[in-house]
């Protein structure tokens, strides 16, 4: 019953209010229409041998049978089903029964990385759970079977999302090391097993290098101040208070159960828990151009570790309290998701209607009324609007500079005529910066892609609450709503 309710948000909303989701949907439209008379004139499809292509490969094929919008939503639903079923299968393979993993999966189904729209990662992590389960099933079987299964999953995970492949490899590597520690396998056997795990991944990286592939832009950044904070914000992507409350309640319950001896990690689970903790501490916040890399370790650990735990509740009262606690956390987070997603149906419909006011093939710039920053922690419920204007690439065949087109991550490139205008990392600019550029001589610090924005673009979307026209002498109001304003830019004669 809890699972059925948990899938409702995706079933009830044509466009889920996830931060990156509209951007992904816009890319799916372009990929699906490539080579047709309706193809967008500003973008070219450029496939290469690199990862992070899960939905890019599957959704256009699914869209042959249904609409692009429905196919993209089905891909999200499939990702959620993989997460829940993979966690259940892994626990069943490891323990012979299902006890904790299903509840853990549902509690984290709308955690911060998933509710922010990291859809390829969610799909890849679900595949990784299935791959780990299949590896454990064949752990004592003939090595050729284990090698073939590992080869298939490594290839699928490489294509789906690079970080999910890392989670898969780290989990199985730690598992094999724990077996050495427990003297379950001899050192030569353990080395051979680790080699079987590593060979397919090394071969893929070699092919990628020879084929001039890449993994993102290879940028690496550290935001160490967030390391202590993310565990308390992980449970909810829209409300920090509820995220902190549910995260803290879950941690206190787990510590209490461990102290009372009713919750125990088996030896392999202890290795995995320590390994995930160290991985979280040492991994950069941005790795190979992938943002929030360290944050993604937390849901991965939450979905894998229940298979290596044992819970022995002493009475019916304890069982009911545990059931009420974990269900309450899942339902509270689900209520927040519904409270955000359902109203966004009208907001997304309003911005789609505004695309009728754009000239087809025009250039559309996007800004917001807040400060430059990602994410806007002051109001995370505004975050799902950030990339909604990118849907103009479909509805108006427009160029939108913050559509995701990063080399090594997406198979789209802006054509030469507009390539210099593409926004690095797909960020949204503050309207205060655009105003400063338009009313004064741009300083040397102003990026080149935005220095002449008033001449380069035809329209401007300003995201945020209703506000006065920031440049009445330059901008004409075409449309307004509670979350955006659309302006036409006056060009000099």
Protein backbone atom coordinates (compact mmCIF):
# COMPACT_ATOMS: atom_id res chain seq x y z
CA UNK A 1 0.00 0.00 0.00
CA UNK A 2 2.83 2.39 0.83
CA UNK A 3 4.50 1.63 -2.51
CA UNK A 4 1.29 2.25 -4.45
CA UNK A 5 0.83 5.63 -2.78
CA UNK A 6 4.48 6.51 -3.32
CA UNK A 7 4.18 6.22 -7.12
CA UNK A 8 1.15 8.55 -7.25
CA UNK A 9 3.05 11.84 -7.83
CA UNK A 10 4.53 10.58 -11.10
CA UNK A 11 1.16 9.24 -12.23
CA UNK A 12 -0.72 12.44 -11.39
CA UNK A 13 1.58 15.05 -12.94
CA UNK A 14 2.26 15.38 -16.69
CA UNK A 15 5.56 17.16 -15.94
CA UNK A 16 6.97 16.24 -12.50
CA UNK A 17 8.18 19.32 -10.62
CA UNK A 18 11.80 18.18 -10.39
CA UNK A 19 14.55 20.72 -10.98
CA UNK A 20 16.34 19.10 -13.93
CA UNK A 21 13.31 17.28 -15.32
CA UNK A 22 12.04 20.00 -17.74
CA UNK A 23 15.58 20.32 -19.11
CA UNK A 24 15.74 16.57 -19.68
CA UNK A 25 12.28 16.62 -21.27
CA UNK A 26 13.36 19.41 -23.64
CA UNK A 27 16.37 17.32 -24.70
CA UNK A 28 14.11 14.31 -25.28
CA UNK A 29 11.97 16.38 -27.65
CA UNK A 30 15.03 17.39 -29.69
CA UNK A 31 16.40 13.84 -29.84
CA UNK A 32 13.00 12.42 -30.82
CA UNK A 33 12.50 15.01 -33.60
CA UNK A 34 16.04 14.85 -34.96
CA UNK A 35 16.04 14.24 -38.72
CA UNK A 36 12.39 15.23 -39.12
CA UNK A 37 10.92 18.44 -40.60
CA UNK A 38 10.19 19.61 -37.02
CA UNK A 39 13.85 19.33 -35.90
CA UNK A 40 15.17 22.28 -33.91
CA UNK A 41 17.44 24.43 -36.14
CA UNK A 42 19.78 25.48 -33.33
CA UNK A 43 21.00 22.07 -32.13
CA UNK A 44 22.72 19.07 -33.63
CA UNK A 45 22.74 15.52 -32.21
CA UNK A 46 26.32 14.33 -31.62
CA UNK A 47 26.64 10.80 -30.24
CA UNK A 48 29.96 9.66 -28.76
CA UNK A 49 31.24 6.84 -26.56
CA UNK A 50 30.60 8.27 -23.12
CA UNK A 51 28.32 7.49 -20.16
CA UNK A 52 25.19 9.16 -18.74
CA UNK A 53 23.01 8.27 -21.71
CA UNK A 54 20.31 6.15 -20.04
CA UNK A 55 17.25 8.19 -20.94
CA UNK A 56 18.83 9.61 -24.11
CA UNK A 57 18.94 6.11 -25.61
CA UNK A 58 15.66 4.74 -24.24
CA UNK A 59 13.14 7.60 -24.27
CA UNK A 60 13.29 8.42 -28.02
CA UNK A 61 12.64 4.73 -28.74
CA UNK A 62 9.76 4.65 -26.25
CA UNK A 63 8.39 7.83 -27.83
CA UNK A 64 7.79 5.90 -31.05
CA UNK A 65 4.85 4.27 -29.22
CA UNK A 66 3.58 7.24 -27.23
CA UNK A 67 4.20 10.97 -26.77
CA UNK A 68 7.63 12.25 -25.74
CA UNK A 69 6.13 13.63 -22.54
CA UNK A 70 4.59 10.27 -21.61
CA UNK A 71 7.74 8.35 -22.58
CA UNK A 72 9.90 10.57 -20.36
CA UNK A 73 7.51 10.11 -17.45
CA UNK A 74 7.47 6.35 -18.02
CA UNK A 75 11.26 6.38 -17.84
CA UNK A 76 11.07 8.13 -14.46
CA UNK A 77 8.50 5.60 -13.23
CA UNK A 78 10.72 2.76 -14.47
CA UNK A 79 13.64 4.28 -12.53
CA UNK A 80 11.55 4.32 -9.35
CA UNK A 81 10.44 0.74 -9.90
CA UNK A 82 14.07 -0.32 -10.38
CA UNK A 83 15.04 1.40 -7.13
CA UNK A 84 12.33 -0.31 -5.06
CA UNK A 85 12.51 -3.74 -6.73
CA UNK A 86 16.32 -3.70 -6.76
CA UNK A 87 16.48 -2.98 -3.03
CA UNK A 88 13.97 -5.77 -2.35
CA UNK A 89 15.81 -8.28 -4.54
CA UNK A 90 19.16 -7.47 -2.97
CA UNK A 91 17.83 -8.05 0.54
CA UNK A 92 16.10 -11.26 -0.49
CA UNK A 93 19.27 -12.61 -2.12
CA UNK A 94 21.37 -11.72 0.90
CA UNK A 95 18.99 -12.74 3.72
CA UNK A 96 16.38 -14.99 2.14
CA UNK A 97 13.56 -12.65 3.18
CA UNK A 98 12.39 -9.07 2.79
CA UNK A 99 12.33 -6.97 5.94
CA UNK A 100 13.93 -3.52 5.75
CA UNK A 101 14.89 -2.69 2.17
CA UNK A 102 11.41 -1.90 0.85
CA UNK A 103 10.74 0.66 3.55
CA UNK A 104 14.19 2.20 3.11
CA UNK A 105 13.62 2.49 -0.66
CA UNK A 106 10.24 4.17 -0.23
CA UNK A 107 11.55 6.55 2.43
CA UNK A 108 14.31 7.67 0.03
CA UNK A 109 12.23 7.57 -3.17
CA UNK A 110 11.92 11.36 -3.19
CA UNK A 111 15.15 12.20 -1.42
CA UNK A 112 17.07 15.25 -2.53
CA UNK A 113 19.03 13.80 -5.50
CA UNK A 114 15.91 12.11 -6.89
CA UNK A 115 13.49 15.00 -6.33
CA UNK A 116 15.97 17.37 -7.98
CA UNK A 117 15.70 15.33 -11.16
CA UNK A 118 18.95 13.35 -11.37
CA UNK A 119 16.97 10.86 -13.45
CA UNK A 120 19.81 9.04 -15.19
CA UNK A 121 21.50 8.54 -11.83
CA UNK A 122 18.27 7.18 -10.34
CA UNK A 123 17.86 4.78 -13.25
CA UNK A 124 21.51 3.76 -13.02
CA UNK A 125 21.37 3.23 -9.27
CA UNK A 126 18.33 0.98 -9.71
CA UNK A 127 20.29 -1.04 -12.28
CA UNK A 128 23.25 -1.16 -9.88
CA UNK A 129 21.05 -2.69 -7.15
CA UNK A 130 19.95 -5.41 -9.56
CA UNK A 131 23.56 -5.96 -10.65
CA UNK A 132 24.79 -6.31 -7.05
CA UNK A 133 22.00 -8.79 -6.34
CA UNK A 134 22.87 -10.90 -9.41
CA UNK A 135 26.55 -10.87 -8.45
CA UNK A 136 25.75 -12.11 -4.93
CA UNK A 137 23.52 -14.83 -6.38
CA UNK A 138 26.41 -16.07 -8.51
CA UNK A 139 29.13 -15.44 -5.90
CA UNK A 140 29.67 -19.14 -5.28
CA UNK A 141 28.84 -20.28 -8.81
CA UNK A 142 31.13 -20.88 -11.78
CA UNK A 143 33.32 -17.87 -12.56
CA UNK A 144 32.33 -17.65 -16.28
CA UNK A 145 28.71 -17.04 -15.27
CA UNK A 146 29.80 -14.38 -12.79
CA UNK A 147 32.06 -12.78 -15.40
CA UNK A 148 29.30 -12.61 -18.05
CA UNK A 149 26.76 -11.18 -15.58
CA UNK A 150 29.29 -8.61 -14.42
CA UNK A 151 30.18 -7.70 -18.01
CA UNK A 152 26.52 -7.10 -18.89
CA UNK A 153 25.86 -4.92 -15.86
CA UNK A 154 29.11 -2.96 -16.18
CA UNK A 155 28.27 -2.13 -19.80
CA UNK A 156 24.67 -1.17 -18.93
CA UNK A 157 25.77 0.96 -15.96
CA UNK A 158 28.48 2.69 -17.97
CA UNK A 159 25.88 3.74 -20.52
CA UNK A 160 23.23 4.63 -17.92
CA UNK A 161 25.29 6.77 -15.53
CA UNK A 162 28.97 6.75 -14.66
CA UNK A 163 28.47 7.36 -10.93
CA UNK A 164 26.10 4.39 -10.64
CA UNK A 165 28.88 2.23 -12.10
CA UNK A 166 31.16 3.59 -9.37
CA UNK A 167 28.64 2.63 -6.68
CA UNK A 168 28.35 -0.86 -8.17
CA UNK A 169 32.12 -1.36 -8.29
CA UNK A 170 32.72 0.07 -4.80
CA UNK A 171 30.02 -2.14 -3.26
CA UNK A 172 31.28 -5.38 -4.79
CA UNK A 173 34.92 -4.47 -4.15
CA UNK A 174 34.20 -3.86 -0.46
CA UNK A 175 32.17 -7.08 -0.31
CA UNK A 176 35.06 -9.12 -1.70
CA UNK A 177 37.52 -7.44 0.69
CA UNK A 178 35.26 -8.32 3.61
CA UNK A 179 35.37 -11.96 2.53
CA UNK A 180 39.16 -11.88 2.74
CA UNK A 181 38.95 -10.39 6.22
CA UNK A 182 36.56 -13.16 7.28
CA UNK A 183 38.91 -15.75 5.70
CA UNK A 184 36.11 -16.98 3.45
CA UNK A 185 38.40 -16.91 0.40
CA UNK A 186 42.15 -17.21 -0.06
CA UNK A 187 44.19 -14.23 -1.29
CA UNK A 188 44.83 -15.65 -4.80
CA UNK A 189 41.13 -16.43 -5.22
CA UNK A 190 40.17 -12.98 -3.96
CA UNK A 191 42.62 -11.34 -6.38
CA UNK A 192 41.12 -13.32 -9.26
CA UNK A 193 37.58 -12.34 -8.25
CA UNK A 194 38.55 -8.67 -8.05
CA UNK A 195 40.17 -8.99 -11.46
CA UNK A 196 36.98 -10.42 -12.91
CA UNK A 197 35.19 -7.36 -11.53
CA UNK A 198 37.70 -4.85 -12.86
CA UNK A 199 38.45 -6.13 -16.38
CA UNK A 200 35.16 -5.07 -18.06
CA UNK A 201 35.32 -1.57 -16.57
CA UNK A 202 38.97 -1.11 -17.58
CA UNK A 203 38.17 -2.31 -21.09
CA UNK A 204 35.34 0.21 -21.39
CA UNK A 205 37.55 3.07 -20.22
CA UNK A 206 40.17 2.03 -22.75
CA UNK A 207 37.61 2.02 -25.56
CA UNK A 208 36.33 5.42 -24.40
CA UNK A 209 39.86 6.83 -24.52
CA UNK A 210 40.53 5.44 -28.00
CA UNK A 211 37.17 6.75 -29.23
CA UNK A 212 37.87 10.23 -27.82
CA UNK A 213 34.99 9.92 -25.38
CA UNK A 214 34.82 11.75 -22.07
CA UNK A 215 33.03 11.96 -18.73
CA UNK A 216 31.63 15.46 -18.38
CA UNK A 217 33.96 18.45 -18.44
CA UNK A 218 36.26 16.89 -15.83
CA UNK A 219 35.76 19.84 -13.47
CA UNK A 220 36.38 19.07 -9.79
CA UNK A 221 35.28 21.27 -6.88
CA UNK A 222 35.10 20.82 -3.13
CA UNK A 223 32.39 22.31 -0.92
CA UNK A 224 33.50 20.92 2.42
CA UNK A 225 31.08 23.06 4.40
CA UNK A 226 28.17 21.00 3.08
CA UNK A 227 29.59 17.63 4.14
CA UNK A 228 28.11 17.80 7.68
CA UNK A 229 24.87 19.30 6.37
CA UNK A 230 23.78 16.98 3.56
CA UNK A 231 22.82 14.03 5.82
CA UNK A 232 20.25 16.30 7.47
CA UNK A 233 18.94 17.64 4.16
CA UNK A 234 18.92 14.43 2.16
CA UNK A 235 15.38 13.27 2.94
CA UNK A 236 13.50 16.12 1.26
CA UNK A 237 14.38 18.25 -1.74
CA UNK A 238 11.79 20.98 -1.16
CA UNK A 239 11.54 21.69 2.57
CA UNK A 240 14.72 21.86 4.64
CA UNK A 241 12.84 21.82 7.94
CA UNK A 242 10.98 18.62 7.14
CA UNK A 243 14.12 17.17 5.59
CA UNK A 244 16.08 17.87 8.77
CA UNK A 245 13.27 16.57 11.02
CA UNK A 246 12.81 13.30 9.15
CA UNK A 247 16.55 12.78 8.68
CA UNK A 248 17.26 13.42 12.35
CA UNK A 249 14.37 11.18 13.44
CA UNK A 250 15.68 8.36 11.23
CA UNK A 251 19.24 8.70 12.56
CA UNK A 252 18.07 8.76 16.19
CA UNK A 253 15.90 5.67 15.62
CA UNK A 254 18.77 3.78 14.00
CA UNK A 255 21.20 4.72 16.79
CA UNK A 256 18.66 3.75 19.44
CA UNK A 257 18.02 0.39 17.76
CA UNK A 258 21.76 -0.25 17.46
CA UNK A 259 22.39 0.66 21.10
CA UNK A 260 19.62 -1.68 22.24
CA UNK A 261 21.08 -4.47 20.11
CA UNK A 262 18.00 -4.99 17.94
CA UNK A 263 19.72 -3.67 14.79
CA UNK A 264 23.01 -5.23 13.74
CA UNK A 265 25.25 -5.07 10.69
CA UNK A 266 26.82 -8.33 9.59
CA UNK A 267 30.61 -8.29 8.95
CA UNK A 268 30.23 -7.46 5.26
CA UNK A 269 27.75 -4.74 6.18
CA UNK A 270 30.27 -3.17 8.56
CA UNK A 271 32.83 -3.03 5.75
CA UNK A 272 30.29 -1.47 3.45
CA UNK A 273 29.15 1.10 6.02
CA UNK A 274 32.73 2.18 6.73
CA UNK A 275 33.54 2.21 3.02
CA UNK A 276 30.52 4.36 2.13
CA UNK A 277 31.32 6.76 4.99
CA UNK A 278 34.91 7.18 3.79
CA UNK A 279 33.75 7.54 0.19
CA UNK A 280 31.35 10.29 1.22
CA UNK A 281 34.10 12.14 3.07
CA UNK A 282 36.76 11.96 0.36
CA UNK A 283 34.76 12.34 -2.84
CA UNK A 284 34.62 15.89 -4.27
CA UNK A 285 31.28 17.69 -4.40
CA UNK A 286 31.75 18.06 -8.16
CA UNK A 287 33.51 15.20 -9.92
CA UNK A 288 34.07 14.96 -13.71
CA UNK A 289 31.59 17.79 -14.13
CA UNK A 290 28.91 15.94 -12.12
CA UNK A 291 27.50 18.12 -9.36
CA UNK A 292 26.55 16.85 -5.90
CA UNK A 293 28.65 13.70 -6.34
CA UNK A 294 29.15 13.24 -2.59
CA UNK A 295 25.43 13.72 -1.95
CA UNK A 296 24.62 10.74 -4.17
CA UNK A 297 26.54 8.37 -1.91
CA UNK A 298 23.94 8.75 0.86
CA UNK A 299 20.89 7.26 -0.92
CA UNK A 300 23.12 4.56 -2.41
CA UNK A 301 24.20 3.51 1.08
CA UNK A 302 20.62 3.73 2.37
CA UNK A 303 19.42 1.35 -0.36
CA UNK A 304 22.27 -1.18 -0.10
CA UNK A 305 22.98 -1.48 3.63
CA UNK A 306 19.54 -2.87 4.66
CA UNK A 307 20.45 -6.10 2.86
CA UNK A 308 23.38 -6.48 5.26
CA UNK A 309 21.42 -5.66 8.46
CA UNK A 310 19.42 -7.81 10.82
CA UNK A 311 16.52 -6.42 12.84
CA UNK A 312 15.14 -8.35 15.79
CA UNK A 313 12.27 -6.47 17.43
CA UNK A 314 11.31 -7.97 20.78
CA UNK A 315 7.54 -7.47 20.71
CA UNK A 316 4.51 -6.52 18.67
CA UNK A 317 4.61 -3.02 20.17
CA UNK A 318 8.17 -2.53 18.90
CA UNK A 319 7.15 -3.77 15.45
CA UNK A 320 4.20 -1.40 15.28
CA UNK A 321 6.35 1.52 16.45
CA UNK A 322 8.99 0.76 13.81
CA UNK A 323 6.33 0.41 11.12
CA UNK A 324 4.66 3.67 12.14
CA UNK A 325 7.98 5.51 12.28
CA UNK A 326 9.34 4.57 8.86
CA UNK A 327 5.91 4.85 7.20
CA UNK A 328 5.43 8.26 8.80
CA UNK A 329 8.74 9.48 7.39
CA UNK A 330 7.87 8.21 3.90
CA UNK A 331 4.34 9.66 3.99
CA UNK A 332 5.45 13.05 5.33
CA UNK A 333 8.01 13.44 2.55
CA UNK A 334 5.42 12.22 0.04
CA UNK A 335 2.92 14.84 1.27
CA UNK A 336 5.52 17.57 0.64
CA UNK A 337 6.15 16.24 -2.87
CA UNK A 338 2.43 16.26 -3.69
CA UNK A 339 2.02 19.74 -2.20
CA UNK A 340 4.73 21.01 -4.59
CA UNK A 341 4.06 18.93 -7.70
CA UNK A 342 0.29 19.33 -8.00
CA UNK A 343 0.26 23.18 -8.09
CA UNK A 344 3.13 23.12 -10.59
CA UNK A 345 0.78 21.58 -13.15
CA UNK A 346 -0.76 25.04 -13.58
CA UNK A 347 2.65 26.78 -13.57
CA UNK A 348 4.06 24.52 -16.28
CA UNK A 349 0.84 24.89 -18.31
CA UNK A 350 1.16 28.69 -18.06
CA UNK A 351 4.73 28.77 -19.34
CA UNK A 352 3.90 26.35 -22.16
CA UNK A 353 1.04 28.65 -23.17
CA UNK A 354 3.47 31.60 -23.18
CA UNK A 355 5.59 29.90 -25.86
CA UNK A 356 2.85 30.79 -28.39
CA UNK A 357 4.01 34.41 -28.04
CA UNK A 358 7.52 33.55 -29.25
CA UNK A 359 8.58 33.74 -32.87
CA UNK A 360 9.64 30.31 -34.05
CA UNK A 361 13.40 29.86 -34.23
CA UNK A 362 14.07 32.79 -31.87
CA UNK A 363 16.71 33.06 -29.16
CA UNK A 364 15.44 33.01 -25.58
CA UNK A 365 17.46 34.05 -22.52
CA UNK A 366 16.53 33.03 -18.98
CA UNK A 367 17.24 34.90 -15.73
CA UNK A 368 15.91 34.88 -12.18
CA UNK A 369 15.10 37.60 -9.68
CA UNK A 370 17.27 36.10 -6.94
CA UNK A 371 21.01 36.04 -6.49
CA UNK A 372 23.29 33.83 -8.52
CA UNK A 373 23.44 30.57 -6.67
CA UNK A 374 22.58 26.94 -7.00
CA UNK A 375 20.46 25.77 -5.29
CA UNK A 376 18.24 28.58 -3.86
CA UNK A 377 18.01 27.30 -0.31
CA UNK A 378 15.82 30.25 0.73
CA UNK A 379 12.93 28.78 -1.29
CA UNK A 380 13.49 25.35 -2.79
CA UNK A 381 9.89 25.22 -4.01
CA UNK A 382 10.88 27.76 -6.69
CA UNK A 383 13.70 25.53 -7.89
CA UNK A 384 11.61 23.32 -10.25
CA UNK A 385 10.87 26.41 -12.40
CA UNK A 386 14.54 27.07 -13.22
CA UNK A 387 14.62 25.00 -16.40
CA UNK A 388 10.98 25.21 -17.48
CA UNK A 389 11.83 27.82 -20.19
CA UNK A 390 14.05 25.25 -21.92
CA UNK A 391 10.84 23.62 -23.18
CA UNK A 392 10.73 26.48 -25.71
CA UNK A 393 13.22 24.47 -27.76
CA UNK A 394 10.27 22.21 -28.61
CA UNK A 395 7.22 24.46 -28.55
CA UNK A 396 8.88 27.38 -30.43
CA UNK A 397 11.97 25.73 -31.98
CA UNK A 398 13.93 28.27 -29.96
CA UNK A 399 17.52 28.42 -28.78
CA UNK A 400 17.74 28.47 -24.96
CA UNK A 401 21.33 28.79 -23.68
CA UNK A 402 20.90 26.81 -20.46
CA UNK A 403 19.66 23.63 -22.14
CA UNK A 404 22.02 20.85 -21.01
CA UNK A 405 24.54 20.28 -23.83
CA UNK A 406 27.73 19.44 -21.93
CA UNK A 407 30.29 17.32 -23.76
CA UNK A 408 30.57 13.91 -22.13
CA UNK A 409 27.11 14.08 -20.56
CA UNK A 410 24.52 14.87 -23.25
CA UNK A 411 24.50 14.05 -26.99
CA UNK A 412 23.40 17.56 -28.01
CA UNK A 413 25.52 20.47 -29.24
CA UNK A 414 24.51 24.03 -30.14
CA UNK A 415 25.19 24.76 -33.78
CA UNK A 416 28.13 26.99 -34.65
CA UNK A 417 26.01 30.13 -35.02
CA UNK A 418 24.91 30.04 -31.34
CA UNK A 419 27.66 27.97 -29.71
CA UNK A 420 29.35 30.98 -28.11
CA UNK A 421 26.08 31.80 -26.27
CA UNK A 422 25.66 28.47 -24.48
CA UNK A 423 25.68 28.92 -20.70
CA UNK A 424 28.37 26.83 -18.96
CA UNK A 425 26.86 24.16 -16.68
CA UNK A 426 23.35 25.25 -17.71
CA UNK A 427 23.12 27.85 -14.94
CA UNK A 428 20.45 30.56 -14.65
CA UNK A 429 21.75 34.13 -14.50
CA UNK A 430 20.52 36.77 -12.02
CA UNK A 431 18.54 39.56 -13.66
CA UNK A 432 20.59 42.09 -11.67
CA UNK A 433 23.64 41.09 -13.74
CA UNK A 434 21.73 41.59 -17.00
CA UNK A 435 20.52 44.97 -15.79
CA UNK A 436 24.04 46.05 -14.89
CA UNK A 437 25.34 45.00 -18.31
CA UNK A 438 22.56 46.84 -20.14
CA UNK A 439 22.89 50.09 -18.18
CA UNK A 440 26.68 50.40 -18.00
CA UNK A 441 29.89 49.34 -19.70
CA UNK A 442 30.45 45.62 -18.92
CA UNK A 443 33.46 44.99 -16.71
CA UNK A 444 36.22 42.59 -17.64
CA UNK A 445 34.75 40.01 -15.22
CA UNK A 446 31.52 39.70 -17.20
CA UNK A 447 31.58 36.40 -19.17
CA UNK A 448 31.80 36.76 -22.92
CA UNK A 449 28.68 34.67 -23.56
CA UNK A 450 26.49 37.31 -21.90
CA UNK A 451 28.28 40.61 -22.60
CA UNK A 452 26.01 41.55 -25.51
CA UNK A 453 22.86 39.77 -24.40
CA UNK A 454 20.47 42.55 -25.42
CA UNK A 455 21.61 42.18 -29.03
CA UNK A 456 22.05 38.41 -29.08
CA UNK A 457 18.59 37.43 -27.80
CA UNK A 458 15.01 38.11 -28.88
CA UNK A 459 13.16 37.28 -25.62
CA UNK A 460 13.86 37.15 -21.91
CA UNK A 461 12.18 35.02 -19.26
CA UNK A 462 12.61 36.33 -15.72
CA UNK A 463 11.79 33.67 -13.14
CA UNK A 464 10.52 34.52 -9.68
CA UNK A 465 7.61 36.32 -8.02
CA UNK A 466 5.86 39.18 -9.80
CA UNK A 467 8.12 42.23 -10.01
CA UNK A 468 8.40 45.48 -11.94
CA UNK A 469 9.95 45.51 -15.39
CA UNK A 470 13.71 45.70 -14.66
CA UNK A 471 14.49 47.57 -17.92
CA UNK A 472 11.40 49.43 -19.21
CA UNK A 473 13.38 51.13 -21.97
CA UNK A 474 14.64 47.80 -23.32
CA UNK A 475 11.99 45.20 -22.47
CA UNK A 476 8.31 44.95 -23.42
CA UNK A 477 6.07 42.75 -21.27
CA UNK A 478 4.39 39.93 -23.19
CA UNK A 479 3.16 37.62 -20.42
CA UNK A 480 3.27 37.27 -16.64
CA UNK A 481 2.34 34.66 -14.06
CA UNK A 482 3.03 33.94 -10.41
CA UNK A 483 6.40 32.40 -11.27
CA UNK A 484 7.69 34.15 -14.40
CA UNK A 485 7.52 37.15 -16.69
CA UNK A 486 8.16 37.08 -20.43
CA UNK A 487 9.68 40.11 -22.16
CA UNK A 488 10.43 40.94 -25.78
CA UNK A 489 13.83 42.62 -26.20
CA UNK A 490 13.85 45.79 -28.30
CA UNK A 491 16.71 45.75 -30.76
CA UNK A 492 18.33 48.89 -32.09
CA UNK A 493 17.19 49.77 -35.59
